[in-house]
PDB file of N, CA and C in Angstrom:
ATOM      1  N   UNK A   1       0.883  -1.236   0.010  1.00  0.00           N
ATOM      2  CA  UNK A   1      -0.012   0.028   0.031  1.00  0.00           C
ATOM      3  C   UNK A   1       0.932   1.256   0.046  1.00  0.00           C
ATOM      4  N   UNK A   2       0.675   2.102  -0.928  1.00  0.00           N
ATOM      5  CA  UNK A   2       1.374   3.381  -1.081  1.00  0.00           C
ATOM      6  C   UNK A   2       0.673   4.486  -0.375  1.00  0.00           C
ATOM      7  N   UNK A   3       1.392   5.120   0.573  1.00  0.00           N
ATOM      8  CA  UNK A   3       0.731   6.260   1.303  1.00  0.00           C
ATOM      9  C   UNK A   3       1.550   7.544   0.909  1.00  0.00           C
ATOM     10  N   UNK A   4       0.916   8.578   0.612  1.00  0.00           N
ATOM     11  CA  UNK A   4       1.566   9.876   0.104  1.00  0.00           C
ATOM     12  C   UNK A   4       1.229  10.993   1.175  1.00  0.00           C
ATOM     13  N   UNK A   5       2.252  11.671   1.451  1.00  0.00           N
ATOM     14  CA  UNK A   5       2.069  12.738   2.410  1.00  0.00           C
ATOM     15  C   UNK A   5       2.482  14.129   1.814  1.00  0.00           C
ATOM     16  N   UNK A   6       1.636  14.965   1.791  1.00  0.00           N
ATOM     17  CA  UNK A   6       1.999  16.310   1.136  1.00  0.00           C
ATOM     18  C   UNK A   6       2.426  17.259   2.183  1.00  0.00           C
ATOM     19  N   UNK A   7       3.612  17.849   2.111  1.00  0.00           N
ATOM     20  CA  UNK A   7       4.047  18.760   3.206  1.00  0.00           C
ATOM     21  C   UNK A   7       4.579  19.978   2.409  1.00  0.00           C
ATOM     22  N   UNK A   8       4.495  21.075   3.341  1.00  0.00           N
ATOM     23  CA  UNK A   8       5.080  22.381   2.670  1.00  0.00           C
ATOM     24  C   UNK A   8       6.439  22.577   3.464  1.00  0.00           C
ATOM     25  N   UNK A   9       7.426  22.900   2.796  1.00  0.00           N
ATOM     26  CA  UNK A   9       8.780  23.201   3.346  1.00  0.00           C
ATOM     27  C   UNK A   9       8.787  24.661   3.774  1.00  0.00           C
ATOM     28  N   UNK A  10       9.347  24.861   4.874  1.00  0.00           N
ATOM     29  CA  UNK A  10       9.534  26.107   5.495  1.00  0.00           C
ATOM     30  C   UNK A  10      10.969  26.431   5.823  1.00  0.00           C
ATOM     31  N   UNK A  11      11.740  26.479   4.729  1.00  0.00           N
ATOM     32  CA  UNK A  11      13.206  26.669   4.998  1.00  0.00           C
ATOM     33  C   UNK A  11      13.597  28.048   5.412  1.00  0.00           C
ATOM     34  N   UNK A  12      14.752  28.082   6.142  1.00  0.00           N
ATOM     35  CA  UNK A  12      15.389  29.441   6.453  1.00  0.00           C
ATOM     36  C   UNK A  12      15.811  30.021   5.111  1.00  0.00           C
ATOM     37  N   UNK A  13      16.220  31.316   5.249  1.00  0.00           N
ATOM     38  CA  UNK A  13      16.716  31.856   4.074  1.00  0.00           C
ATOM     39  C   UNK A  13      18.048  31.131   3.629  1.00  0.00           C
ATOM     40  N   UNK A  14      18.842  30.722   4.463  1.00  0.00           N
ATOM     41  CA  UNK A  14      20.159  30.052   4.164  1.00  0.00           C
ATOM     42  C   UNK A  14      19.830  28.718   3.542  1.00  0.00           C
ATOM     43  N   UNK A  15      18.811  27.962   4.085  1.00  0.00           N
ATOM     44  CA  UNK A  15      18.362  26.584   3.533  1.00  0.00           C
ATOM     45  C   UNK A  15      17.753  26.813   2.185  1.00  0.00           C
ATOM     46  N   UNK A  16      16.938  27.972   2.021  1.00  0.00           N
ATOM     47  CA  UNK A  16      16.335  28.158   0.682  1.00  0.00           C
ATOM     48  C   UNK A  16      17.386  28.350  -0.369  1.00  0.00           C
ATOM     49  N   UNK A  17      18.429  29.122  -0.033  1.00  0.00           N
ATOM     50  CA  UNK A  17      19.477  29.409  -1.085  1.00  0.00           C
ATOM     51  C   UNK A  17      20.240  28.085  -1.344  1.00  0.00           C
ATOM     52  N   UNK A  18      20.547  27.249  -0.340  1.00  0.00           N
ATOM     53  CA  UNK A  18      21.160  25.957  -0.573  1.00  0.00           C
ATOM     54  C   UNK A  18      20.430  24.995  -1.345  1.00  0.00           C
ATOM     55  N   UNK A  19      19.090  25.010  -1.215  1.00  0.00           N
ATOM     56  CA  UNK A  19      18.184  24.272  -1.956  1.00  0.00           C
ATOM     57  C   UNK A  19      18.067  24.715  -3.377  1.00  0.00           C
ATOM     58  N   UNK A  20      18.036  25.962  -3.559  1.00  0.00           N
ATOM     59  CA  UNK A  20      17.913  26.552  -4.893  1.00  0.00           C
ATOM     60  C   UNK A  20      19.228  26.246  -5.707  1.00  0.00           C
ATOM     61  N   UNK A  21      20.360  26.356  -5.013  1.00  0.00           N
ATOM     62  CA  UNK A  21      21.603  26.124  -5.696  1.00  0.00           C
ATOM     63  C   UNK A  21      21.676  24.546  -6.098  1.00  0.00           C
ATOM     64  N   UNK A  22      21.261  23.702  -5.123  1.00  0.00           N
ATOM     65  CA  UNK A  22      21.165  22.377  -5.602  1.00  0.00           C
ATOM     66  C   UNK A  22      20.304  21.990  -6.809  1.00  0.00           C
ATOM     67  N   UNK A  23      19.155  22.703  -6.751  1.00  0.00           N
ATOM     68  CA  UNK A  23      18.311  22.424  -7.982  1.00  0.00           C
ATOM     69  C   UNK A  23      18.909  22.945  -9.253  1.00  0.00           C
ATOM     70  N   UNK A  24      19.565  24.057  -9.160  1.00  0.00           N
ATOM     71  CA  UNK A  24      20.363  24.676 -10.343  1.00  0.00           C
ATOM     72  C   UNK A  24      21.361  23.685 -10.783  1.00  0.00           C
ATOM     73  N   UNK A  25      22.272  23.065  -9.846  1.00  0.00           N
ATOM     74  CA  UNK A  25      23.293  22.142 -10.266  1.00  0.00           C
ATOM     75  C   UNK A  25      22.603  20.880 -10.864  1.00  0.00           C
ATOM     76  N   UNK A  26      21.574  20.326 -10.333  1.00  0.00           N
ATOM     77  CA  UNK A  26      20.746  19.303 -10.757  1.00  0.00           C
ATOM     78  C   UNK A  26      20.439  19.505 -12.211  1.00  0.00           C
ATOM     79  N   UNK A  27      19.832  20.667 -12.440  1.00  0.00           N
ATOM     80  CA  UNK A  27      19.319  20.910 -13.979  1.00  0.00           C
ATOM     81  C   UNK A  27      20.518  21.139 -14.906  1.00  0.00           C
ATOM     82  N   UNK A  28      21.638  21.736 -14.292  1.00  0.00           N
ATOM     83  CA  UNK A  28      22.748  21.896 -15.178  1.00  0.00           C
ATOM     84  C   UNK A  28      23.326  20.479 -15.517  1.00  0.00           C
ATOM     85  N   UNK A  29      23.435  19.625 -14.510  1.00  0.00           N
ATOM     86  CA  UNK A  29      23.751  18.183 -14.764  1.00  0.00           C
ATOM     87  C   UNK A  29      22.925  17.518 -15.816  1.00  0.00           C
ATOM     88  N   UNK A  30      21.586  17.730 -15.693  1.00  0.00           N
ATOM     89  CA  UNK A  30      20.654  17.130 -16.620  1.00  0.00           C
ATOM     90  C   UNK A  30      20.974  17.619 -18.151  1.00  0.00           C
ATOM     91  N   UNK A  31      21.230  18.870 -18.310  1.00  0.00           N
ATOM     92  CA  UNK A  31      21.583  19.328 -19.615  1.00  0.00           C
ATOM     93  C   UNK A  31      22.883  18.864 -20.044  1.00  0.00           C
ATOM     94  N   UNK A  32      23.888  18.649 -19.179  1.00  0.00           N
ATOM     95  CA  UNK A  32      25.183  18.055 -19.596  1.00  0.00           C
ATOM     96  C   UNK A  32      24.896  16.642 -20.073  1.00  0.00           C
ATOM     97  N   UNK A  33      24.182  15.839 -19.289  1.00  0.00           N
ATOM     98  CA  UNK A  33      23.895  14.493 -19.574  1.00  0.00           C
ATOM     99  C   UNK A  33      23.026  14.399 -20.819  1.00  0.00           C
ATOM    100  N   UNK A  34      22.204  15.337 -21.042  1.00  0.00           N
ATOM    101  CA  UNK A  34      21.360  15.323 -22.285  1.00  0.00           C
ATOM    102  C   UNK A  34      22.225  15.531 -23.505  1.00  0.00           C
ATOM    103  N   UNK A  35      23.148  16.508 -23.454  1.00  0.00           N
ATOM    104  CA  UNK A  35      24.085  16.690 -24.511  1.00  0.00           C
ATOM    105  C   UNK A  35      24.869  15.384 -24.892  1.00  0.00           C
ATOM    106  N   UNK A  36      25.414  14.719 -23.892  1.00  0.00           N
ATOM    107  CA  UNK A  36      26.142  13.504 -24.034  1.00  0.00           C
ATOM    108  C   UNK A  36      25.328  12.390 -24.706  1.00  0.00           C
ATOM    109  N   UNK A  37      24.061  12.242 -24.140  1.00  0.00           N
ATOM    110  CA  UNK A  37      23.144  11.207 -24.682  1.00  0.00           C
ATOM    111  C   UNK A  37      22.798  11.568 -26.067  1.00  0.00           C
ATOM    112  N   UNK A  38      22.436  12.788 -26.457  1.00  0.00           N
ATOM    113  CA  UNK A  38      22.103  13.190 -27.651  1.00  0.00           C
ATOM    114  C   UNK A  38      23.179  12.962 -28.731  1.00  0.00           C
ATOM    115  N   UNK A  39      24.381  13.411 -28.368  1.00  0.00           N
ATOM    116  CA  UNK A  39      25.438  13.277 -29.353  1.00  0.00           C
ATOM    117  C   UNK A  39      25.956  11.887 -29.651  1.00  0.00           C
ATOM    118  N   UNK A  40      25.812  11.023 -28.691  1.00  0.00           N
ATOM    119  CA  UNK A  40      26.156   9.653 -28.729  1.00  0.00           C
ATOM    120  C   UNK A  40      25.005   8.805 -29.205  1.00  0.00           C
ATOM    121  N   UNK A  41      23.782   9.386 -29.255  1.00  0.00           N
ATOM    122  CA  UNK A  41      22.583   8.613 -29.550  1.00  0.00           C
ATOM    123  C   UNK A  41      22.340   7.536 -28.743  1.00  0.00           C
ATOM    124  N   UNK A  42      22.672   7.611 -27.338  1.00  0.00           N
ATOM    125  CA  UNK A  42      22.522   6.603 -26.366  1.00  0.00           C
ATOM    126  C   UNK A  42      21.419   7.187 -25.386  1.00  0.00           C
ATOM    127  N   UNK A  43      20.409   6.418 -25.320  1.00  0.00           N
ATOM    128  CA  UNK A  43      19.217   6.779 -24.523  1.00  0.00           C
ATOM    129  C   UNK A  43      18.824   5.846 -23.483  1.00  0.00           C
ATOM    130  N   UNK A  44      19.459   4.694 -23.338  1.00  0.00           N
ATOM    131  CA  UNK A  44      19.212   3.801 -22.275  1.00  0.00           C
ATOM    132  C   UNK A  44      19.862   4.347 -20.929  1.00  0.00           C
ATOM    133  N   UNK A  45      19.149   4.164 -19.786  1.00  0.00           N
ATOM    134  CA  UNK A  45      19.595   4.705 -18.548  1.00  0.00           C
ATOM    135  C   UNK A  45      20.977   4.064 -18.253  1.00  0.00           C
ATOM    136  N   UNK A  46      21.051   2.812 -18.315  1.00  0.00           N
ATOM    137  CA  UNK A  46      22.252   2.049 -17.860  1.00  0.00           C
ATOM    138  C   UNK A  46      23.406   2.432 -18.720  1.00  0.00           C
ATOM    139  N   UNK A  47      23.183   2.563 -20.115  1.00  0.00           N
ATOM    140  CA  UNK A  47      24.360   3.092 -21.047  1.00  0.00           C
ATOM    141  C   UNK A  47      24.630   4.478 -20.804  1.00  0.00           C
ATOM    142  N   UNK A  48      23.815   5.310 -20.491  1.00  0.00           N
ATOM    143  CA  UNK A  48      24.162   6.787 -20.111  1.00  0.00           C
ATOM    144  C   UNK A  48      24.837   6.845 -18.933  1.00  0.00           C
ATOM    145  N   UNK A  49      24.446   6.053 -17.930  1.00  0.00           N
ATOM    146  CA  UNK A  49      25.243   5.959 -16.658  1.00  0.00           C
ATOM    147  C   UNK A  49      26.654   5.544 -16.919  1.00  0.00           C
ATOM    148  N   UNK A  50      26.950   4.479 -17.735  1.00  0.00           N
ATOM    149  CA  UNK A  50      28.265   4.040 -18.014  1.00  0.00           C
ATOM    150  C   UNK A  50      29.086   5.117 -18.666  1.00  0.00           C
ATOM    151  N   UNK A  51      28.437   5.903 -19.478  1.00  0.00           N
ATOM    152  CA  UNK A  51      29.156   7.012 -20.122  1.00  0.00           C
ATOM    153  C   UNK A  51      29.561   8.214 -19.309  1.00  0.00           C
ATOM    154  N   UNK A  52      28.731   8.611 -18.310  1.00  0.00           N
ATOM    155  CA  UNK A  52      29.068   9.854 -17.610  1.00  0.00           C
ATOM    156  C   UNK A  52      28.768   9.929 -16.149  1.00  0.00           C
ATOM    157  N   UNK A  53      28.514   8.881 -15.482  1.00  0.00           N
ATOM    158  CA  UNK A  53      28.187   8.908 -13.952  1.00  0.00           C
ATOM    159  C   UNK A  53      29.306   9.590 -13.131  1.00  0.00           C
ATOM    160  N   UNK A  54      30.571   9.043 -13.205  1.00  0.00           N
ATOM    161  CA  UNK A  54      31.594   9.666 -12.453  1.00  0.00           C
ATOM    162  C   UNK A  54      31.969  10.991 -12.837  1.00  0.00           C
ATOM    163  N   UNK A  55      31.870  11.338 -14.091  1.00  0.00           N
ATOM    164  CA  UNK A  55      32.217  12.735 -14.676  1.00  0.00           C
ATOM    165  C   UNK A  55      31.146  13.644 -14.024  1.00  0.00           C
ATOM    166  N   UNK A  56      29.858  13.342 -13.968  1.00  0.00           N
ATOM    167  CA  UNK A  56      28.797  14.145 -13.512  1.00  0.00           C
ATOM    168  C   UNK A  56      28.994  14.469 -12.045  1.00  0.00           C
ATOM    169  N   UNK A  57      29.234  13.239 -11.343  1.00  0.00           N
ATOM    170  CA  UNK A  57      29.386  13.535  -9.855  1.00  0.00           C
ATOM    171  C   UNK A  57      30.583  14.390  -9.522  1.00  0.00           C
ATOM    172  N   UNK A  58      31.701  14.309 -10.313  1.00  0.00           N
ATOM    173  CA  UNK A  58      32.788  15.175  -9.978  1.00  0.00           C
ATOM    174  C   UNK A  58      32.594  16.572 -10.467  1.00  0.00           C
ATOM    175  N   UNK A  59      32.044  16.700 -11.655  1.00  0.00           N
ATOM    176  CA  UNK A  59      31.861  18.039 -12.149  1.00  0.00           C
ATOM    177  C   UNK A  59      30.762  18.920 -11.587  1.00  0.00           C
ATOM    178  N   UNK A  60      29.621  18.272 -11.078  1.00  0.00           N
ATOM    179  CA  UNK A  60      28.618  19.070 -10.403  1.00  0.00           C
ATOM    180  C   UNK A  60      28.459  18.801  -8.965  1.00  0.00           C
ATOM    181  N   UNK A  61      29.180  18.044  -8.379  1.00  0.00           N
ATOM    182  CA  UNK A  61      29.241  17.848  -6.959  1.00  0.00           C
ATOM    183  C   UNK A  61      27.869  17.137  -6.365  1.00  0.00           C
ATOM    184  N   UNK A  62      27.314  16.437  -7.140  1.00  0.00           N
ATOM    185  CA  UNK A  62      25.982  15.845  -6.770  1.00  0.00           C
ATOM    186  C   UNK A  62      26.221  14.504  -5.968  1.00  0.00           C
ATOM    187  N   UNK A  63      25.282  14.172  -5.161  1.00  0.00           N
ATOM    188  CA  UNK A  63      25.331  12.879  -4.477  1.00  0.00           C
ATOM    189  C   UNK A  63      25.147  11.717  -5.415  1.00  0.00           C
ATOM    190  N   UNK A  64      25.358  10.577  -5.120  1.00  0.00           N
ATOM    191  CA  UNK A  64      25.170   9.327  -5.921  1.00  0.00           C
ATOM    192  C   UNK A  64      23.693   9.350  -6.368  1.00  0.00           C
ATOM    193  N   UNK A  65      22.729   9.462  -5.381  1.00  0.00           N
ATOM    194  CA  UNK A  65      21.413   9.281  -5.713  1.00  0.00           C
ATOM    195  C   UNK A  65      20.991  10.480  -6.671  1.00  0.00           C
ATOM    196  N   UNK A  66      21.336  11.618  -6.461  1.00  0.00           N
ATOM    197  CA  UNK A  66      20.928  12.766  -7.380  1.00  0.00           C
ATOM    198  C   UNK A  66      21.434  12.659  -8.740  1.00  0.00           C
ATOM    199  N   UNK A  67      22.728  12.165  -8.819  1.00  0.00           N
ATOM    200  CA  UNK A  67      23.276  11.804 -10.191  1.00  0.00           C
ATOM    201  C   UNK A  67      22.435  10.726 -10.880  1.00  0.00           C
ATOM    202  N   UNK A  68      22.149   9.735 -10.211  1.00  0.00           N
ATOM    203  CA  UNK A  68      21.306   8.496 -10.802  1.00  0.00           C
ATOM    204  C   UNK A  68      19.983   9.026 -11.261  1.00  0.00           C
ATOM    205  N   UNK A  69      19.339   9.883 -10.375  1.00  0.00           N
ATOM    206  CA  UNK A  69      18.096  10.600 -10.733  1.00  0.00           C
ATOM    207  C   UNK A  69      18.154  11.453 -11.965  1.00  0.00           C
ATOM    208  N   UNK A  70      19.268  12.196 -12.089  1.00  0.00           N
ATOM    209  CA  UNK A  70      19.452  13.099 -13.249  1.00  0.00           C
ATOM    210  C   UNK A  70      19.590  12.341 -14.520  1.00  0.00           C
ATOM    211  N   UNK A  71      20.372  11.180 -14.448  1.00  0.00           N
ATOM    212  CA  UNK A  71      20.544  10.300 -15.602  1.00  0.00           C
ATOM    213  C   UNK A  71      19.115   9.641 -16.009  1.00  0.00           C
ATOM    214  N   UNK A  72      18.369   9.261 -14.940  1.00  0.00           N
ATOM    215  CA  UNK A  72      17.079   8.715 -15.244  1.00  0.00           C
ATOM    216  C   UNK A  72      16.152   9.764 -15.802  1.00  0.00           C
ATOM    217  N   UNK A  73      16.088  10.954 -15.326  1.00  0.00           N
ATOM    218  CA  UNK A  73      15.334  11.912 -15.806  1.00  0.00           C
ATOM    219  C   UNK A  73      15.551  12.292 -17.266  1.00  0.00           C
ATOM    220  N   UNK A  74      16.967  12.281 -17.623  1.00  0.00           N
ATOM    221  CA  UNK A  74      17.319  12.521 -18.958  1.00  0.00           C
ATOM    222  C   UNK A  74      16.813  11.301 -19.862  1.00  0.00           C
ATOM    223  N   UNK A  75      17.121  10.075 -19.547  1.00  0.00           N
ATOM    224  CA  UNK A  75      16.628   8.892 -20.188  1.00  0.00           C
ATOM    225  C   UNK A  75      15.239   8.845 -20.398  1.00  0.00           C
ATOM    226  N   UNK A  76      14.427   9.162 -19.435  1.00  0.00           N
ATOM    227  CA  UNK A  76      13.015   9.226 -19.432  1.00  0.00           C
ATOM    228  C   UNK A  76      12.464  10.197 -20.590  1.00  0.00           C
ATOM    229  N   UNK A  77      13.156  11.449 -20.520  1.00  0.00           N
ATOM    230  CA  UNK A  77      12.700  12.418 -21.479  1.00  0.00           C
ATOM    231  C   UNK A  77      12.855  12.091 -22.932  1.00  0.00           C
ATOM    232  N   UNK A  78      13.927  11.361 -23.236  1.00  0.00           N
ATOM    233  CA  UNK A  78      14.201  10.880 -24.549  1.00  0.00           C
ATOM    234  C   UNK A  78      13.368   9.687 -25.025  1.00  0.00           C
ATOM    235  N   UNK A  79      12.571   9.123 -24.100  1.00  0.00           N
ATOM    236  CA  UNK A  79      11.651   8.065 -24.604  1.00  0.00           C
ATOM    237  C   UNK A  79      10.622   8.481 -25.440  1.00  0.00           C
ATOM    238  N   UNK A  80      10.141   9.768 -25.204  1.00  0.00           N
ATOM    239  CA  UNK A  80       8.999  10.348 -26.175  1.00  0.00           C
ATOM    240  C   UNK A  80       9.709  10.838 -27.505  1.00  0.00           C
ATOM    241  N   UNK A  81      10.690  11.602 -27.389  1.00  0.00           N
ATOM    242  CA  UNK A  81      11.284  12.390 -28.513  1.00  0.00           C
ATOM    243  C   UNK A  81      12.859  12.233 -28.637  1.00  0.00           C
ATOM    244  N   UNK A  82      13.335  11.458 -29.529  1.00  0.00           N
ATOM    245  CA  UNK A  82      14.867  11.284 -29.541  1.00  0.00           C
ATOM    246  C   UNK A  82      15.394  12.177 -30.762  1.00  0.00           C
ATOM    247  N   UNK A  83      14.651  12.942 -31.390  1.00  0.00           N
ATOM    248  CA  UNK A  83      15.036  13.904 -32.642  1.00  0.00           C
ATOM    249  C   UNK A  83      15.630  15.096 -32.110  1.00  0.00           C
ATOM    250  N   UNK A  84      15.248  15.601 -30.913  1.00  0.00           N
ATOM    251  CA  UNK A  84      15.856  16.939 -30.586  1.00  0.00           C
ATOM    252  C   UNK A  84      16.563  16.855 -29.234  1.00  0.00           C
ATOM    253  N   UNK A  85      17.476  17.823 -29.002  1.00  0.00           N
ATOM    254  CA  UNK A  85      18.155  17.976 -27.801  1.00  0.00           C
ATOM    255  C   UNK A  85      17.218  18.612 -26.782  1.00  0.00           C
ATOM    256  N   UNK A  86      17.235  17.922 -25.578  1.00  0.00           N
ATOM    257  CA  UNK A  86      16.350  18.273 -24.481  1.00  0.00           C
ATOM    258  C   UNK A  86      17.103  19.177 -23.518  1.00  0.00           C
ATOM    259  N   UNK A  87      16.384  20.151 -23.215  1.00  0.00           N
ATOM    260  CA  UNK A  87      16.943  21.132 -22.031  1.00  0.00           C
ATOM    261  C   UNK A  87      16.191  21.137 -20.821  1.00  0.00           C
ATOM    262  N   UNK A  88      16.780  21.377 -19.721  1.00  0.00           N
ATOM    263  CA  UNK A  88      16.086  21.188 -18.478  1.00  0.00           C
ATOM    264  C   UNK A  88      16.298  22.477 -17.653  1.00  0.00           C
TER     265      UNK A  88
END
């Protein structure tokens, strides 16, 4: 059984800026991954991960989970349209 809880975040100003910065780095990582996937015509999550996982972690300073989620987000976006470069 799946339970979903909807909550509202009430971050301090410092936490807000840290969260915003993390979101920006995540989207930049998605754009970087998207370019690699599009240029190499590689759209499988596992193949994209082999191509750029360590590079993305180092370049954008994302955690392992966020890096894998960014790769998954890019891979998922290319399922519907592989003809154009996707931006995030």
